[in-house]
Amino acid sequence: MDVVHPRCAGIDISKKDAKVCVRIQGRGNRRTSSTVTTWGAMTNQILALREHLLERKVTCVVMEATSNYWRPFYYLLEELLEVMLVNAHDVRTVPGRKSDVSDAAWLADLGAHGLVRASFGPPEPIRVLRDLTRARTMITHERTREIQRLEKLLEDTGIKLSSVATDVTGVSGRLMLEALIDGRNDPVQLSQLAKGRLRSKIPVLTEALTGHFSAHHAFMTRLFPGRIDAHTADIDKLSARIDEAMAPFRPARDLLISIRASRRPSPRYSSPRPAVTCGCSPPPGIWPRGRAPHRGPTSRPVG
């Protein structure tokens, strides 16, 4: 098999250290040499590993995407070396591995013969933007969970505020929750705190606010608004930061938005077209609902 990278290194990464195998293809009658060493996972030790690989004139480094432990190795080595981040499943499915070969040596052997495919490694601006958007999505989910826990607590008291109000943590919902925490349990007075469109539902809201809200429920309810507000503040900060990080990609984003808008259906095609019926089909009302009429073995198809 042809050798693509005569000087290749494979790295088996763990939380505390990494096993590094440097494979150097022999020329002529010389045998291929493989040297396995252990390096720590601290930044200074990774930098020392980079200098070691440069001294050995390694042209390709192969590592598996093991949890998040690969990140410091990948970010520091990719500055001066060609790094291939491969999927562990793809590495295991390659046949021909010997039982006595370490993971680092196997990765170096696969990389030398070009038998592995590198995963996508985005550049730093994309990585920053991805971290921001993922953090915002995660915090948004956490905020939704806190609101759902608050709704379950209100359900435990018999208060059906979420059945009438769209947002329990809105302006009207906050006023009603604060009144309940302060000990004001009269449904009529609570319903009068409604604002905006919710005032049109005061009779139904009065019924929904009738329940058994004890001091224990008041203590538990007091825990949720602070966490919900903290999540909302973090979401706002992340959104502002994302807008700043999107500045280099704003032309591409605007182009994508324009393409998506241009592919919307025209209003004249928004209504469904009439169905095309076959001339041999019976008119409506001839056959009863359910099973079709039974045909005997000698009957001929109509039409």
Protein backbone atom coordinates (compact mmCIF):
# COMPACT_ATOMS: atom_id res chain seq x y z
CA MET A 1 0.00 0.00 0.00
CA ASP A 2 1.28 3.46 -0.90
CA VAL A 3 2.48 5.71 1.88
CA VAL A 4 0.98 9.20 1.75
CA HIS A 5 2.78 10.66 4.78
CA PRO A 6 6.24 9.14 5.38
CA ARG A 7 6.53 10.98 8.69
CA CYS A 8 3.22 10.73 10.54
CA ALA A 9 2.25 10.90 14.21
CA GLY A 10 -0.73 9.40 16.03
CA ILE A 11 -1.94 10.77 19.36
CA ASP A 12 -4.08 8.82 21.82
CA ILE A 13 -5.50 11.51 24.13
CA SER A 14 -6.82 11.11 27.65
CA LYS A 15 -7.68 13.61 30.38
CA LYS A 16 -4.24 13.76 32.00
CA ASP A 17 -1.82 12.80 29.24
CA ALA A 18 -1.43 11.60 25.68
CA LYS A 19 0.42 8.70 24.06
CA VAL A 20 2.22 9.89 20.93
CA CYS A 21 3.55 7.54 18.28
CA VAL A 22 5.90 8.98 15.64
CA ARG A 23 6.05 6.74 12.57
CA ILE A 24 8.91 7.25 10.09
CA GLN A 25 8.78 5.29 6.87
CA GLY A 26 12.06 3.57 6.02
CA ARG A 27 13.75 3.95 2.64
CA GLY A 28 15.11 1.05 0.69
CA ASN A 29 16.15 -1.74 3.05
CA ARG A 30 15.58 0.34 6.14
CA ARG A 31 12.75 -0.74 8.38
CA THR A 32 9.94 1.56 9.41
CA SER A 33 10.54 2.97 12.89
CA SER A 34 7.81 3.77 15.41
CA THR A 35 8.50 5.50 18.73
CA VAL A 36 5.82 5.87 21.42
CA THR A 37 6.22 8.52 24.11
CA THR A 38 3.95 9.99 26.78
CA TRP A 39 3.23 13.70 27.12
CA GLY A 40 1.19 15.63 29.65
CA ALA A 41 -2.00 17.49 28.82
CA MET A 42 -0.85 20.86 30.23
CA THR A 43 -0.30 23.74 27.82
CA ASN A 44 3.49 23.92 28.30
CA GLN A 45 3.81 20.18 27.72
CA ILE A 46 1.70 20.36 24.57
CA LEU A 47 3.94 23.13 23.28
CA ALA A 48 6.96 20.95 24.03
CA LEU A 49 5.27 18.14 22.10
CA ARG A 50 4.81 20.47 19.16
CA GLU A 51 8.50 21.29 19.13
CA HIS A 52 9.30 17.58 19.33
CA LEU A 53 7.11 16.83 16.30
CA LEU A 54 8.68 19.67 14.35
CA GLU A 55 12.15 18.35 15.13
CA ARG A 56 11.14 14.92 13.83
CA LYS A 57 9.83 16.63 10.68
CA VAL A 58 6.34 15.20 11.09
CA THR A 59 4.03 16.29 8.29
CA CYS A 60 0.70 14.90 9.55
CA VAL A 61 -0.75 14.39 13.04
CA VAL A 62 -3.78 12.14 13.56
CA MET A 63 -5.92 12.23 16.72
CA GLU A 64 -9.35 11.01 17.76
CA ALA A 65 -12.15 13.31 18.90
CA THR A 66 -12.17 12.07 22.50
CA SER A 67 -14.71 14.05 24.55
CA ASN A 68 -13.32 17.61 24.92
CA TYR A 69 -9.76 16.50 25.71
CA TRP A 70 -8.64 16.86 22.10
CA ARG A 71 -9.30 20.61 21.96
CA PRO A 72 -6.07 21.97 23.56
CA PHE A 73 -3.95 19.56 21.50
CA TYR A 74 -5.76 20.43 18.28
CA TYR A 75 -5.72 24.19 18.78
CA LEU A 76 -2.02 24.34 19.64
CA LEU A 77 -0.74 21.84 17.08
CA GLU A 78 -2.76 23.13 14.14
CA GLU A 79 -0.86 26.42 14.20
CA LEU A 80 2.31 24.81 12.78
CA LEU A 81 1.30 21.26 11.78
CA GLU A 82 -1.28 19.54 9.63
CA VAL A 83 -3.68 17.96 12.12
CA MET A 84 -6.37 15.42 11.22
CA LEU A 85 -9.19 15.09 13.74
CA VAL A 86 -10.88 11.76 12.99
CA ASN A 87 -14.03 10.05 14.20
CA ALA A 88 -13.38 7.16 16.58
CA HIS A 89 -16.05 5.05 14.84
CA ASP A 90 -14.31 5.43 11.49
CA VAL A 91 -11.03 4.32 13.02
CA ARG A 92 -12.53 1.19 14.55
CA THR A 93 -14.19 0.10 11.32
CA VAL A 94 -10.91 -0.03 9.38
CA PRO A 95 -9.92 -3.74 9.18
CA GLY A 96 -6.46 -5.16 9.71
CA ARG A 97 -5.55 -3.96 13.19
CA LYS A 98 -3.32 -6.19 15.27
CA SER A 99 -4.18 -6.85 18.90
CA ASP A 100 -0.77 -5.79 20.23
CA VAL A 101 -0.74 -2.39 18.51
CA SER A 102 -1.52 0.64 20.66
CA ASP A 103 -4.12 3.22 19.68
CA ALA A 104 -1.44 5.84 18.96
CA ALA A 105 0.49 3.47 16.68
CA TRP A 106 -2.70 2.45 14.88
CA LEU A 107 -3.61 6.09 14.26
CA ALA A 108 -0.13 6.82 12.95
CA ASP A 109 -0.29 3.82 10.63
CA LEU A 110 -3.71 4.83 9.27
CA GLY A 111 -2.62 8.41 8.76
CA ALA A 112 0.57 7.38 6.98
CA HIS A 113 -1.39 5.35 4.42
CA GLY A 114 -4.22 7.87 4.06
CA LEU A 115 -6.91 5.51 5.37
CA VAL A 116 -8.71 8.02 7.59
CA ARG A 117 -10.80 11.05 6.77
CA ALA A 118 -10.47 14.28 8.69
CA SER A 119 -13.50 15.76 10.40
CA PHE A 120 -14.49 19.36 9.81
CA GLY A 121 -12.51 21.77 11.96
CA PRO A 122 -13.97 25.29 11.73
CA PRO A 123 -11.68 28.33 11.93
CA GLU A 124 -11.54 30.40 15.09
CA PRO A 125 -14.24 32.99 14.14
CA ILE A 126 -16.70 30.18 13.44
CA ARG A 127 -15.74 28.44 16.68
CA VAL A 128 -16.40 31.62 18.64
CA LEU A 129 -19.76 32.12 16.97
CA ARG A 130 -20.69 28.47 17.51
CA ASP A 131 -19.84 28.65 21.22
CA LEU A 132 -22.00 31.75 21.61
CA THR A 133 -25.01 30.32 19.80
CA ARG A 134 -24.78 27.00 21.64
CA ALA A 135 -24.58 28.78 24.98
CA ARG A 136 -27.62 30.88 24.13
CA THR A 137 -29.58 27.79 23.10
CA MET A 138 -28.62 25.97 26.30
CA ILE A 139 -29.58 28.89 28.56
CA THR A 140 -32.84 29.36 26.65
CA HIS A 141 -33.70 25.72 27.35
CA GLU A 142 -32.84 26.18 31.01
CA ARG A 143 -35.08 29.24 31.20
CA THR A 144 -37.93 27.26 29.64
CA ARG A 145 -37.43 24.49 32.21
CA GLU A 146 -37.62 27.00 35.07
CA ILE A 147 -40.90 28.36 33.70
CA GLN A 148 -42.26 24.83 33.38
CA ARG A 149 -41.33 24.10 36.99
CA LEU A 150 -43.17 27.24 38.05
CA GLU A 151 -46.24 26.16 36.09
CA LYS A 152 -46.16 22.73 37.75
CA LEU A 153 -45.99 24.38 41.15
CA LEU A 154 -49.05 26.48 40.33
CA GLU A 155 -50.85 23.36 39.13
CA ASP A 156 -50.16 21.83 42.54
CA THR A 157 -52.07 24.70 44.14
CA GLY A 158 -55.03 24.35 41.77
CA ILE A 159 -54.28 27.66 40.06
CA LYS A 160 -54.68 27.38 36.27
CA LEU A 161 -52.96 30.61 35.31
CA SER A 162 -51.06 28.99 32.44
CA SER A 163 -54.36 27.85 30.89
CA VAL A 164 -55.52 31.46 30.45
CA ALA A 165 -52.33 33.54 30.20
CA THR A 166 -49.92 32.76 27.38
CA ASP A 167 -46.86 33.80 29.39
CA VAL A 168 -46.91 33.15 33.13
CA THR A 169 -43.81 35.33 33.58
CA GLY A 170 -45.23 38.29 31.64
CA VAL A 171 -46.24 41.64 33.13
CA SER A 172 -49.65 40.44 34.29
CA GLY A 173 -48.34 37.10 35.50
CA ARG A 174 -45.58 38.74 37.53
CA LEU A 175 -48.04 41.05 39.26
CA MET A 176 -50.30 38.12 40.16
CA LEU A 177 -47.41 36.01 41.41
CA GLU A 178 -46.10 38.84 43.58
CA ALA A 179 -49.58 39.31 45.03
CA LEU A 180 -49.84 35.60 45.79
CA ILE A 181 -46.44 35.64 47.48
CA ASP A 182 -47.53 38.63 49.60
CA GLY A 183 -50.55 36.66 50.82
CA ARG A 184 -53.31 38.18 48.67
CA ASN A 185 -55.33 35.15 47.59
CA ASP A 186 -58.64 36.75 46.54
CA PRO A 187 -59.25 35.64 42.92
CA VAL A 188 -61.28 38.77 42.12
CA GLN A 189 -58.53 41.10 43.25
CA LEU A 190 -55.88 39.03 41.51
CA SER A 191 -57.77 39.08 38.20
CA GLN A 192 -57.93 42.88 38.31
CA LEU A 193 -54.14 42.96 38.01
CA ALA A 194 -54.40 41.81 34.40
CA LYS A 195 -52.98 44.13 31.76
CA GLY A 196 -53.55 44.56 28.03
CA ARG A 197 -55.44 41.85 26.17
CA LEU A 198 -55.68 39.68 29.27
CA ARG A 199 -58.31 42.03 30.72
CA SER A 200 -60.83 40.66 28.26
CA LYS A 201 -60.50 37.30 30.03
CA ILE A 202 -61.14 38.53 33.58
CA PRO A 203 -64.15 36.21 34.23
CA VAL A 204 -62.19 33.14 33.12
CA LEU A 205 -59.09 34.44 34.88
CA THR A 206 -61.03 34.72 38.14
CA GLU A 207 -61.93 31.03 37.93
CA ALA A 208 -58.36 30.08 37.04
CA LEU A 209 -56.91 31.95 40.03
CA THR A 210 -59.09 30.11 42.52
CA GLY A 211 -56.94 27.61 44.41
CA HIS A 212 -55.14 26.73 47.63
CA PHE A 213 -51.95 28.81 47.73
CA SER A 214 -50.24 28.17 51.08
CA ALA A 215 -47.16 29.67 52.71
CA HIS A 216 -45.12 26.75 51.43
CA HIS A 217 -46.16 27.51 47.87
CA ALA A 218 -45.28 31.17 48.42
CA PHE A 219 -41.78 30.18 49.56
CA MET A 220 -41.28 27.91 46.56
CA THR A 221 -42.66 30.43 44.06
CA ARG A 222 -40.27 33.08 45.34
CA LEU A 223 -37.33 30.96 44.11
CA PHE A 224 -38.21 31.02 40.41
CA PRO A 225 -38.40 34.69 39.27
CA GLY A 226 -34.78 35.38 40.18
CA ARG A 227 -33.44 32.46 38.16
CA ILE A 228 -35.71 33.24 35.23
CA ASP A 229 -34.57 36.88 35.20
CA ALA A 230 -30.92 35.81 35.40
CA HIS A 231 -31.37 33.53 32.39
CA THR A 232 -33.11 36.32 30.49
CA ALA A 233 -30.25 38.73 31.21
CA ASP A 234 -27.69 36.16 30.04
CA ILE A 235 -29.66 35.57 26.84
CA ASP A 236 -29.70 39.30 26.12
CA LYS A 237 -25.93 39.54 26.67
CA LEU A 238 -25.27 36.58 24.40
CA SER A 239 -27.55 37.98 21.70
CA ALA A 240 -25.64 41.26 21.72
CA ARG A 241 -22.34 39.39 21.58
CA ILE A 242 -23.57 37.24 18.70
CA ASP A 243 -24.50 40.35 16.73
CA GLU A 244 -20.93 41.59 17.14
CA ALA A 245 -19.44 38.24 16.13
CA MET A 246 -21.71 38.10 13.07
CA ALA A 247 -20.21 41.28 11.61
CA PRO A 248 -17.76 39.47 9.25
CA PHE A 249 -20.54 37.11 8.10
CA ARG A 250 -23.36 39.64 7.78
CA PRO A 251 -23.18 39.85 3.94
CA ALA A 252 -23.44 36.06 3.67
CA ARG A 253 -26.31 36.02 6.17
CA ASP A 254 -28.19 38.71 4.26
CA LEU A 255 -27.67 36.76 1.05
CA LEU A 256 -29.07 33.59 2.62
CA ILE A 257 -32.07 35.48 3.95
CA SER A 258 -32.74 36.97 0.50
CA ILE A 259 -32.52 33.54 -1.11
CA ARG A 260 -34.95 32.07 1.39
CA ALA A 261 -37.35 34.98 0.87
CA SER A 262 -37.21 34.65 -2.92
CA ARG A 263 -38.22 30.99 -2.72
CA ARG A 264 -41.52 31.71 -1.00
CA PRO A 265 -44.56 30.65 -3.07
CA SER A 266 -46.43 33.30 -4.99
CA PRO A 267 -49.82 34.38 -3.51
CA ARG A 268 -51.68 33.17 -6.60
CA TYR A 269 -50.47 29.63 -5.93
CA SER A 270 -51.20 29.73 -2.21
CA SER A 271 -54.68 28.21 -2.57
CA PRO A 272 -54.86 24.46 -3.24
CA ARG A 273 -55.54 23.41 -6.80
CA PRO A 274 -58.71 21.46 -7.55
CA ALA A 275 -58.22 17.72 -7.61
CA VAL A 276 -58.32 16.02 -11.01
CA THR A 277 -60.92 13.27 -11.08
CA CYS A 278 -61.08 10.33 -13.42
CA GLY A 279 -64.07 10.05 -15.71
CA CYS A 280 -64.69 6.46 -14.67
CA SER A 281 -64.99 7.22 -10.96
CA PRO A 282 -68.57 7.20 -9.63
CA PRO A 283 -70.12 10.48 -8.53
CA PRO A 284 -70.27 11.25 -4.81
CA GLY A 285 -73.00 9.46 -2.91
CA ILE A 286 -73.20 6.33 -5.12
CA TRP A 287 -71.07 4.13 -2.86
CA PRO A 288 -71.75 4.07 0.87
CA ARG A 289 -68.98 4.77 3.33
CA GLY A 290 -66.81 1.84 4.31
CA ARG A 291 -66.12 -1.10 2.07
CA ALA A 292 -66.57 -0.96 -1.71
CA PRO A 293 -69.39 -3.01 -3.24
CA HIS A 294 -68.57 -6.68 -3.75
CA ARG A 295 -68.04 -7.85 -7.29
CA GLY A 296 -68.67 -11.40 -8.36
CA PRO A 297 -66.13 -13.39 -10.30
CA THR A 298 -68.05 -12.81 -13.58
CA SER A 299 -68.67 -9.11 -13.14
CA ARG A 300 -66.92 -6.73 -15.48
CA PRO A 301 -65.40 -3.42 -14.48
CA VAL A 302 -67.63 -0.49 -15.21
CA GLY A 303 -66.34 1.89 -17.90
